Amino acid sequence: MDEDDADAALRAALDQLAFATRSAAALSSTLDAVEGLRRVCRVLVPGLAGWSAAGLVDEDGAAERVCLTPTRP
């Protein structure tokens, strides 16, 4: 591995760490599961994904979409 490859690998690792930190901060900033998922969806777009969706399943097995975040202009 040459110096350019090492720099690229380090940048990629730092980007992943920054994403994980932002996601953890979004989840830990509220005790409300729905709001936490909405915040994580906003972290995902546009840095990691073009859009994101999240849902929850209740005790009866019914699914509910709680977040749909499109690409920001």
Protein backbone atom coordinates (compact mmCIF):
# COMPACT_ATOMS: atom_id res chain seq x y z
CA MET A 1 0.00 0.00 0.00
CA ASP A 2 1.49 3.31 -1.03
CA GLU A 3 0.94 6.68 0.66
CA ASP A 4 -1.97 7.67 -1.61
CA ASP A 5 -3.78 4.39 -0.87
CA ALA A 6 -3.20 4.87 2.86
CA ASP A 7 -4.56 8.43 2.70
CA ALA A 8 -7.65 7.27 0.83
CA ALA A 9 -8.25 4.46 3.33
CA LEU A 10 -7.85 6.89 6.23
CA ARG A 11 -10.30 9.37 4.67
CA ALA A 12 -12.84 6.58 4.12
CA ALA A 13 -12.48 5.39 7.71
CA LEU A 14 -12.90 8.95 9.04
CA ASP A 15 -16.01 9.44 6.89
CA GLN A 16 -17.51 6.23 8.31
CA LEU A 17 -16.68 7.31 11.85
CA ALA A 18 -18.24 10.72 11.29
CA PHE A 19 -21.41 9.09 9.92
CA ALA A 20 -21.61 6.74 12.90
CA THR A 21 -21.15 9.69 15.27
CA ARG A 22 -23.90 11.72 13.57
CA SER A 23 -26.24 8.72 13.62
CA ALA A 24 -25.58 8.05 17.31
CA ALA A 25 -26.14 11.72 18.13
CA ALA A 26 -29.44 11.70 16.22
CA LEU A 27 -30.65 8.62 18.08
CA SER A 28 -29.51 9.73 21.51
CA SER A 29 -30.95 13.23 21.23
CA THR A 30 -34.49 12.00 21.90
CA LEU A 31 -36.23 9.21 23.79
CA ASP A 32 -39.00 9.09 21.18
CA ALA A 33 -38.30 6.18 18.77
CA VAL A 34 -40.22 7.78 15.89
CA GLU A 35 -38.40 11.09 16.19
CA GLY A 36 -35.06 9.26 16.53
CA LEU A 37 -35.69 7.37 13.28
CA ARG A 38 -36.69 10.60 11.53
CA ARG A 39 -33.45 12.22 12.66
CA VAL A 40 -31.38 9.27 11.46
CA CYS A 41 -33.13 9.41 8.08
CA ARG A 42 -32.10 13.07 7.80
CA VAL A 43 -28.48 12.08 8.60
CA LEU A 44 -28.53 9.43 5.85
CA VAL A 45 -29.62 11.81 3.11
CA PRO A 46 -27.68 13.01 1.13
CA GLY A 47 -24.37 11.93 2.66
CA LEU A 48 -24.92 8.20 2.38
CA ALA A 49 -28.11 7.67 0.40
CA GLY A 50 -30.32 9.36 -2.15
CA TRP A 51 -33.35 8.75 0.03
CA SER A 52 -34.27 6.81 3.13
CA ALA A 53 -37.34 5.29 4.73
CA ALA A 54 -37.92 3.84 8.16
CA GLY A 55 -40.77 1.99 9.75
CA LEU A 56 -41.78 0.43 13.02
CA VAL A 57 -43.75 -2.72 13.73
CA ASP A 58 -46.16 -2.75 16.67
CA GLU A 59 -46.94 -5.64 19.02
CA ASP A 60 -49.63 -6.92 16.64
CA GLY A 61 -47.23 -7.04 13.70
CA ALA A 62 -48.68 -4.01 11.92
CA ALA A 63 -46.05 -1.94 10.14
CA GLU A 64 -46.13 1.84 10.08
CA ARG A 65 -43.85 4.04 7.98
CA VAL A 66 -42.57 6.79 10.21
CA CYS A 67 -40.11 8.47 7.89
CA LEU A 68 -39.56 8.97 4.19
CA THR A 69 -36.74 11.39 3.42
CA PRO A 70 -36.13 12.31 -0.23
CA THR A 71 -32.96 13.79 -1.67
CA ARG A 72 -32.57 17.42 -0.72
CA PRO A 73 -32.26 19.91 -3.58
